[in-house]
Amino acid sequence: MANGVNKVILVGNLGRDPEVQTFDNGVKKAAFSLATTEGYKNRDGERATHTEWHNVVLWRGLAEVAEKYLKKGSAVYVEGRIRRREYEDENKQKKYIFEILGDNMTMLGGGPRRDEGVTDNGNGSVSVADTSGSETSAPDDDLPF
């Protein structure tokens, strides 16, 4: 059986400042909501839009860049993969959350120009990739609340 592909590409704006956590081992995690908006014509021929919200999680170097440079409203391009996690709420009900684990990020519309780990693309955007070579998964006890 062939391996599947889990690849997500999003371009959108942050709905809130990144929430950054630093774990005991010094590893950082940044989480934020990202809005993607698509335009279309409705049945009446009028322009309409639909906004989808995504939970994005960045680890290590990407989290450090997010902490330093991203804020609510920042435009970013994110490449990563979808992960579904489950947990029990306070009423013992099983809940699911879907997240995008970012592997690469490009800050659009400006930002830092010469900083370690940040590449200037020469077109008003900068790129950052997780080059740590380590798995970008969360600790087992990492919950969304």
N, C-alpha and C. Protein backbone atom coordinates (compact mmCIF):
# COMPACT_ATOMS: atom_id res chain seq x y z
N MET A 1 0.84 -1.17 0.00
CA MET A 1 0.00 0.00 0.00
C MET A 1 0.89 1.24 0.00
N ALA A 2 0.55 2.23 -0.80
CA ALA A 2 1.33 3.46 -0.91
C ALA A 2 1.04 4.38 0.26
N ASN A 3 2.05 5.18 0.62
CA ASN A 3 1.86 6.19 1.66
C ASN A 3 1.00 7.31 1.11
N GLY A 4 0.19 7.91 1.97
CA GLY A 4 -0.66 9.02 1.57
C GLY A 4 0.10 10.34 1.63
N VAL A 5 -0.52 11.38 1.14
CA VAL A 5 0.06 12.72 1.16
C VAL A 5 -0.82 13.60 2.03
N ASN A 6 -0.21 14.29 2.96
CA ASN A 6 -0.91 15.22 3.85
C ASN A 6 -0.20 16.56 3.70
N LYS A 7 -0.67 17.40 2.78
CA LYS A 7 -0.02 18.67 2.46
C LYS A 7 -1.06 19.77 2.42
N VAL A 8 -0.79 20.86 3.13
CA VAL A 8 -1.69 22.00 3.17
C VAL A 8 -0.90 23.25 2.80
N ILE A 9 -1.49 24.10 1.97
CA ILE A 9 -0.92 25.39 1.64
C ILE A 9 -2.00 26.44 1.91
N LEU A 10 -1.69 27.41 2.76
CA LEU A 10 -2.64 28.45 3.11
C LEU A 10 -2.00 29.82 2.93
N VAL A 11 -2.77 30.78 2.47
CA VAL A 11 -2.37 32.18 2.43
C VAL A 11 -3.50 32.95 3.10
N GLY A 12 -3.16 33.67 4.16
CA GLY A 12 -4.20 34.40 4.88
C GLY A 12 -3.61 35.38 5.87
N ASN A 13 -4.49 35.86 6.75
CA ASN A 13 -4.11 36.85 7.76
C ASN A 13 -4.37 36.31 9.15
N LEU A 14 -3.46 36.64 10.08
CA LEU A 14 -3.62 36.21 11.46
C LEU A 14 -4.84 36.88 12.08
N GLY A 15 -5.64 36.08 12.77
CA GLY A 15 -6.81 36.60 13.46
C GLY A 15 -6.49 37.09 14.86
N ARG A 16 -5.31 36.74 15.36
CA ARG A 16 -4.88 37.18 16.68
C ARG A 16 -3.36 37.08 16.74
N ASP A 17 -2.76 37.75 17.71
CA ASP A 17 -1.32 37.62 17.92
C ASP A 17 -1.00 36.17 18.25
N PRO A 18 0.17 35.68 17.84
CA PRO A 18 0.53 34.31 18.20
C PRO A 18 0.62 34.13 19.71
N GLU A 19 0.12 32.99 20.19
CA GLU A 19 0.27 32.62 21.60
C GLU A 19 1.48 31.71 21.66
N VAL A 20 2.50 32.13 22.39
CA VAL A 20 3.76 31.39 22.43
C VAL A 20 3.95 30.74 23.79
N GLN A 21 4.31 29.46 23.76
CA GLN A 21 4.64 28.71 24.97
C GLN A 21 6.09 28.26 24.86
N THR A 22 6.80 28.30 25.98
CA THR A 22 8.15 27.74 26.03
C THR A 22 8.11 26.59 27.02
N PHE A 23 8.47 25.41 26.56
CA PHE A 23 8.44 24.22 27.40
C PHE A 23 9.73 24.09 28.20
N ASP A 24 9.73 23.20 29.18
CA ASP A 24 10.87 23.03 30.08
C ASP A 24 12.19 22.77 29.35
N ASN A 25 12.11 22.11 28.20
CA ASN A 25 13.32 21.80 27.44
C ASN A 25 13.74 22.95 26.52
N GLY A 26 13.06 24.10 26.61
CA GLY A 26 13.40 25.28 25.81
C GLY A 26 12.73 25.34 24.46
N VAL A 27 12.00 24.30 24.08
CA VAL A 27 11.30 24.27 22.79
C VAL A 27 10.11 25.22 22.84
N LYS A 28 9.97 26.01 21.76
CA LYS A 28 8.86 26.96 21.69
C LYS A 28 7.78 26.47 20.74
N LYS A 29 6.55 26.84 21.09
CA LYS A 29 5.38 26.54 20.27
C LYS A 29 4.61 27.84 20.10
N ALA A 30 4.27 28.19 18.86
CA ALA A 30 3.43 29.36 18.59
C ALA A 30 2.14 28.87 17.96
N ALA A 31 1.01 29.38 18.43
CA ALA A 31 -0.29 29.01 17.89
C ALA A 31 -1.07 30.28 17.56
N PHE A 32 -1.75 30.26 16.44
CA PHE A 32 -2.58 31.40 16.06
C PHE A 32 -3.66 30.94 15.10
N SER A 33 -4.69 31.77 14.96
CA SER A 33 -5.73 31.49 13.98
C SER A 33 -5.38 32.24 12.70
N LEU A 34 -5.67 31.60 11.58
CA LEU A 34 -5.39 32.18 10.27
C LEU A 34 -6.67 32.18 9.45
N ALA A 35 -7.03 33.34 8.92
CA ALA A 35 -8.23 33.48 8.10
C ALA A 35 -7.85 33.43 6.63
N THR A 36 -8.52 32.54 5.89
CA THR A 36 -8.39 32.52 4.44
C THR A 36 -9.75 32.91 3.87
N THR A 37 -9.75 33.81 2.91
CA THR A 37 -11.00 34.31 2.34
C THR A 37 -10.99 34.09 0.84
N GLU A 38 -12.08 33.50 0.34
CA GLU A 38 -12.21 33.29 -1.09
C GLU A 38 -13.44 34.03 -1.59
N GLY A 39 -13.31 34.58 -2.77
CA GLY A 39 -14.42 35.31 -3.38
C GLY A 39 -15.08 34.47 -4.46
N TYR A 40 -16.37 34.70 -4.65
CA TYR A 40 -17.12 33.98 -5.68
C TYR A 40 -18.37 34.78 -6.01
N LYS A 41 -19.06 34.38 -7.07
CA LYS A 41 -20.33 35.00 -7.42
C LYS A 41 -21.45 34.07 -6.93
N ASN A 42 -22.42 34.63 -6.25
CA ASN A 42 -23.52 33.81 -5.75
C ASN A 42 -24.55 33.55 -6.85
N ARG A 43 -25.64 32.89 -6.51
CA ARG A 43 -26.66 32.52 -7.50
C ARG A 43 -27.24 33.73 -8.21
N ASP A 44 -27.26 34.88 -7.52
CA ASP A 44 -27.81 36.10 -8.11
C ASP A 44 -26.76 36.87 -8.91
N GLY A 45 -25.56 36.31 -9.04
CA GLY A 45 -24.51 36.97 -9.79
C GLY A 45 -23.77 38.04 -9.01
N GLU A 46 -24.04 38.15 -7.71
CA GLU A 46 -23.39 39.16 -6.88
C GLU A 46 -22.09 38.59 -6.30
N ARG A 47 -21.11 39.47 -6.10
CA ARG A 47 -19.86 39.06 -5.47
C ARG A 47 -20.11 38.73 -4.01
N ALA A 48 -19.55 37.63 -3.57
CA ALA A 48 -19.67 37.21 -2.17
C ALA A 48 -18.32 36.66 -1.73
N THR A 49 -18.13 36.56 -0.43
CA THR A 49 -16.90 35.99 0.10
C THR A 49 -17.23 34.96 1.17
N HIS A 50 -16.29 34.06 1.36
CA HIS A 50 -16.39 33.08 2.44
C HIS A 50 -15.04 33.04 3.14
N THR A 51 -15.07 33.21 4.46
CA THR A 51 -13.85 33.16 5.25
C THR A 51 -13.81 31.88 6.06
N GLU A 52 -12.70 31.19 5.99
CA GLU A 52 -12.47 29.96 6.75
C GLU A 52 -11.37 30.24 7.76
N TRP A 53 -11.53 29.74 8.99
CA TRP A 53 -10.52 29.94 10.04
C TRP A 53 -9.78 28.65 10.28
N HIS A 54 -8.45 28.75 10.39
CA HIS A 54 -7.58 27.59 10.58
C HIS A 54 -6.74 27.79 11.84
N ASN A 55 -6.55 26.73 12.60
CA ASN A 55 -5.64 26.75 13.75
C ASN A 55 -4.26 26.34 13.25
N VAL A 56 -3.29 27.24 13.39
CA VAL A 56 -1.93 26.97 12.91
C VAL A 56 -1.00 26.84 14.11
N VAL A 57 -0.13 25.85 14.07
CA VAL A 57 0.86 25.63 15.12
C VAL A 57 2.24 25.57 14.48
N LEU A 58 3.16 26.36 15.03
CA LEU A 58 4.55 26.37 14.58
C LEU A 58 5.43 25.99 15.76
N TRP A 59 6.50 25.27 15.49
CA TRP A 59 7.41 24.81 16.53
C TRP A 59 8.81 25.36 16.33
N ARG A 60 9.57 25.40 17.39
CA ARG A 60 11.00 25.70 17.43
C ARG A 60 11.33 27.02 16.74
N GLY A 61 12.19 27.00 15.71
CA GLY A 61 12.62 28.22 15.04
C GLY A 61 11.48 28.99 14.41
N LEU A 62 10.52 28.27 13.84
CA LEU A 62 9.36 28.95 13.26
C LEU A 62 8.57 29.67 14.34
N ALA A 63 8.44 29.05 15.50
CA ALA A 63 7.73 29.68 16.61
C ALA A 63 8.45 30.94 17.08
N GLU A 64 9.77 30.89 17.09
CA GLU A 64 10.55 32.06 17.50
C GLU A 64 10.35 33.22 16.53
N VAL A 65 10.33 32.91 15.22
CA VAL A 65 10.10 33.95 14.22
C VAL A 65 8.69 34.51 14.37
N ALA A 66 7.70 33.63 14.58
CA ALA A 66 6.32 34.09 14.76
C ALA A 66 6.22 35.01 15.97
N GLU A 67 6.87 34.62 17.07
CA GLU A 67 6.83 35.43 18.29
C GLU A 67 7.43 36.82 18.03
N LYS A 68 8.50 36.86 17.27
CA LYS A 68 9.23 38.10 17.06
C LYS A 68 8.56 39.02 16.03
N TYR A 69 7.98 38.45 14.96
CA TYR A 69 7.55 39.27 13.84
C TYR A 69 6.06 39.27 13.51
N LEU A 70 5.31 38.25 13.92
CA LEU A 70 3.90 38.18 13.53
C LEU A 70 3.00 38.84 14.56
N LYS A 71 1.92 39.42 14.07
CA LYS A 71 0.91 40.00 14.95
C LYS A 71 -0.44 39.90 14.25
N LYS A 72 -1.49 40.19 14.98
CA LYS A 72 -2.83 40.15 14.41
C LYS A 72 -2.85 40.96 13.12
N GLY A 73 -3.39 40.36 12.06
CA GLY A 73 -3.48 41.02 10.77
C GLY A 73 -2.33 40.71 9.82
N SER A 74 -1.21 40.16 10.33
CA SER A 74 -0.07 39.84 9.47
C SER A 74 -0.50 38.87 8.37
N ALA A 75 0.01 39.11 7.15
CA ALA A 75 -0.27 38.21 6.02
C ALA A 75 0.85 37.18 5.94
N VAL A 76 0.48 35.91 5.85
CA VAL A 76 1.47 34.83 5.77
C VAL A 76 1.03 33.75 4.80
N TYR A 77 2.04 33.08 4.27
CA TYR A 77 1.89 31.86 3.47
C TYR A 77 2.42 30.74 4.35
N VAL A 78 1.63 29.70 4.57
CA VAL A 78 2.04 28.59 5.43
C VAL A 78 1.90 27.28 4.66
N GLU A 79 2.94 26.47 4.72
CA GLU A 79 2.89 25.09 4.21
C GLU A 79 2.99 24.17 5.41
N GLY A 80 2.21 23.11 5.39
CA GLY A 80 2.28 22.17 6.49
C GLY A 80 1.39 20.97 6.24
N ARG A 81 0.89 20.41 7.34
CA ARG A 81 0.03 19.23 7.23
C ARG A 81 -1.07 19.32 8.29
N ILE A 82 -2.16 18.64 8.02
CA ILE A 82 -3.31 18.64 8.94
C ILE A 82 -3.10 17.57 10.00
N ARG A 83 -3.44 17.95 11.22
CA ARG A 83 -3.42 16.98 12.32
C ARG A 83 -4.71 17.11 13.10
N ARG A 84 -5.33 15.98 13.41
CA ARG A 84 -6.53 15.96 14.24
C ARG A 84 -6.14 15.43 15.61
N ARG A 85 -6.54 16.16 16.63
CA ARG A 85 -6.32 15.70 18.00
C ARG A 85 -7.66 15.57 18.68
N GLU A 86 -7.72 14.70 19.66
CA GLU A 86 -8.95 14.57 20.44
C GLU A 86 -8.63 14.72 21.91
N TYR A 87 -9.64 15.18 22.64
CA TYR A 87 -9.51 15.37 24.07
C TYR A 87 -10.91 15.32 24.68
N GLU A 88 -10.97 15.22 26.00
CA GLU A 88 -12.25 15.25 26.70
C GLU A 88 -12.43 16.60 27.35
N ASP A 89 -13.63 17.18 27.20
CA ASP A 89 -13.91 18.46 27.84
C ASP A 89 -14.26 18.23 29.31
N GLU A 90 -14.62 19.30 29.99
CA GLU A 90 -14.92 19.19 31.43
C GLU A 90 -16.14 18.32 31.73
N ASN A 91 -16.99 18.07 30.71
CA ASN A 91 -18.16 17.21 30.88
C ASN A 91 -17.91 15.78 30.38
N LYS A 92 -16.64 15.45 30.19
CA LYS A 92 -16.22 14.12 29.73
C LYS A 92 -16.72 13.81 28.31
N GLN A 93 -17.01 14.85 27.53
CA GLN A 93 -17.41 14.68 26.13
C GLN A 93 -16.16 14.69 25.26
N LYS A 94 -16.10 13.77 24.31
CA LYS A 94 -14.95 13.71 23.42
C LYS A 94 -15.05 14.86 22.42
N LYS A 95 -13.96 15.61 22.26
CA LYS A 95 -13.90 16.75 21.35
C LYS A 95 -12.72 16.54 20.41
N TYR A 96 -12.83 17.12 19.24
CA TYR A 96 -11.77 17.04 18.25
C TYR A 96 -11.35 18.44 17.84
N ILE A 97 -10.08 18.60 17.54
CA ILE A 97 -9.56 19.86 17.03
C ILE A 97 -8.66 19.54 15.85
N PHE A 98 -8.78 20.33 14.81
CA PHE A 98 -7.93 20.18 13.64
C PHE A 98 -6.94 21.33 13.61
N GLU A 99 -5.68 21.01 13.38
CA GLU A 99 -4.63 22.01 13.36
C GLU A 99 -3.79 21.84 12.11
N ILE A 100 -3.18 22.92 11.71
CA ILE A 100 -2.19 22.89 10.64
C ILE A 100 -0.83 22.98 11.30
N LEU A 101 -0.01 21.94 11.16
CA LEU A 101 1.36 21.96 11.67
C LEU A 101 2.23 22.55 10.58
N GLY A 102 2.71 23.76 10.79
CA GLY A 102 3.49 24.45 9.78
C GLY A 102 4.92 23.95 9.68
N ASP A 103 5.34 23.66 8.45
CA ASP A 103 6.72 23.27 8.18
C ASP A 103 7.51 24.41 7.54
N ASN A 104 6.82 25.27 6.81
CA ASN A 104 7.43 26.42 6.15
C ASN A 104 6.48 27.60 6.28
N MET A 105 7.04 28.79 6.33
CA MET A 105 6.22 29.98 6.43
C MET A 105 6.89 31.11 5.65
N THR A 106 6.09 31.88 4.92
CA THR A 106 6.57 33.08 4.26
C THR A 106 5.73 34.24 4.76
N MET A 107 6.41 35.24 5.31
CA MET A 107 5.72 36.45 5.76
C MET A 107 5.53 37.33 4.54
N LEU A 108 4.31 37.73 4.26
CA LEU A 108 4.00 38.52 3.08
C LEU A 108 3.88 39.99 3.43
N GLY A 109 4.22 40.83 2.50
CA GLY A 109 4.02 42.27 2.69
C GLY A 109 5.02 42.93 3.60
N GLY A 110 6.23 42.43 3.66
CA GLY A 110 7.27 43.09 4.46
C GLY A 110 7.62 42.30 5.69
N GLY A 111 8.47 42.89 6.50
CA GLY A 111 8.94 42.22 7.71
C GLY A 111 10.44 42.33 7.79
N PRO A 112 11.09 41.43 8.51
CA PRO A 112 12.53 41.51 8.69
C PRO A 112 13.25 41.26 7.38
N ARG A 113 14.40 41.85 7.22
CA ARG A 113 15.14 41.69 5.97
C ARG A 113 16.42 40.90 6.15
N ARG A 114 17.10 41.07 7.25
CA ARG A 114 18.36 40.34 7.43
C ARG A 114 18.42 39.83 8.86
N ASP A 115 17.94 38.64 9.04
CA ASP A 115 17.93 38.05 10.37
C ASP A 115 18.26 36.58 10.21
N GLU A 116 18.92 36.02 11.16
CA GLU A 116 19.31 34.61 11.07
C GLU A 116 18.09 33.73 10.85
N GLY A 117 18.15 32.86 9.86
CA GLY A 117 17.06 31.94 9.59
C GLY A 117 15.95 32.52 8.75
N VAL A 118 16.07 33.78 8.34
CA VAL A 118 15.04 34.42 7.55
C VAL A 118 15.63 34.75 6.18
N THR A 119 14.95 34.37 5.11
CA THR A 119 15.43 34.60 3.76
C THR A 119 14.59 35.66 3.07
N ASP A 120 15.23 36.72 2.58
CA ASP A 120 14.55 37.76 1.84
C ASP A 120 14.31 37.25 0.42
N ASN A 121 13.04 37.22 0.00
CA ASN A 121 12.71 36.73 -1.33
C ASN A 121 12.82 37.81 -2.40
N GLY A 122 13.09 39.06 -2.01
CA GLY A 122 13.25 40.13 -2.96
C GLY A 122 11.95 40.62 -3.57
N ASN A 123 10.81 40.16 -3.07
CA ASN A 123 9.53 40.58 -3.63
C ASN A 123 8.58 41.07 -2.54
N GLY A 124 9.13 41.57 -1.46
CA GLY A 124 8.29 42.04 -0.36
C GLY A 124 7.89 40.96 0.60
N SER A 125 8.45 39.75 0.46
CA SER A 125 8.12 38.68 1.38
C SER A 125 9.40 38.06 1.91
N VAL A 126 9.29 37.39 3.04
CA VAL A 126 10.42 36.68 3.62
C VAL A 126 9.98 35.26 3.95
N SER A 127 10.90 34.30 3.81
CA SER A 127 10.58 32.89 4.04
C SER A 127 11.33 32.35 5.24
N VAL A 128 10.70 31.42 5.91
CA VAL A 128 11.30 30.74 7.05
C VAL A 128 10.92 29.28 6.95
N ALA A 129 11.86 28.39 7.24
CA ALA A 129 11.58 26.96 7.23
C ALA A 129 12.09 26.35 8.52
N ASP A 130 11.42 25.31 8.97
CA ASP A 130 11.89 24.57 10.14
C ASP A 130 13.01 23.66 9.68
N THR A 131 14.25 24.05 9.99
CA THR A 131 15.41 23.28 9.56
C THR A 131 16.05 22.51 10.70
N SER A 132 15.31 22.35 11.79
CA SER A 132 15.87 21.68 12.96
C SER A 132 16.09 20.20 12.71
N GLY A 133 15.40 19.65 11.71
CA GLY A 133 15.54 18.24 11.41
C GLY A 133 14.82 17.36 12.39
N SER A 134 14.13 17.96 13.35
CA SER A 134 13.40 17.17 14.33
C SER A 134 11.92 17.19 14.02
N GLU A 135 11.23 16.23 14.53
CA GLU A 135 9.79 16.10 14.32
C GLU A 135 9.07 17.30 14.90
N THR A 136 8.09 17.82 14.17
CA THR A 136 7.35 19.00 14.63
C THR A 136 6.02 18.59 15.25
N SER A 137 6.05 17.61 16.11
CA SER A 137 4.81 17.19 16.76
C SER A 137 4.79 17.71 18.19
N ALA A 138 3.59 17.82 18.71
CA ALA A 138 3.40 18.36 20.04
C ALA A 138 3.69 17.31 21.10
N PRO A 139 4.01 17.77 22.30
CA PRO A 139 4.10 16.81 23.40
C PRO A 139 2.73 16.16 23.58
N ASP A 140 2.73 14.93 24.08
CA ASP A 140 1.49 14.18 24.20
C ASP A 140 0.44 14.88 25.05
N ASP A 141 0.87 15.68 26.02
CA ASP A 141 -0.09 16.29 26.93
C ASP A 141 -0.49 17.70 26.48
N ASP A 142 -0.16 18.09 25.26
CA ASP A 142 -0.47 19.43 24.77
C ASP A 142 -1.94 19.50 24.37
N LEU A 143 -2.73 20.27 25.08
CA LEU A 143 -4.15 20.42 24.81
C LEU A 143 -4.46 21.84 24.39
N PRO A 144 -5.55 22.06 23.65
CA PRO A 144 -5.84 23.40 23.13
C PRO A 144 -6.44 24.36 24.14
N PHE A 145 -6.50 23.98 25.40
CA PHE A 145 -7.10 24.90 26.39
C PHE A 145 -6.25 24.97 27.62
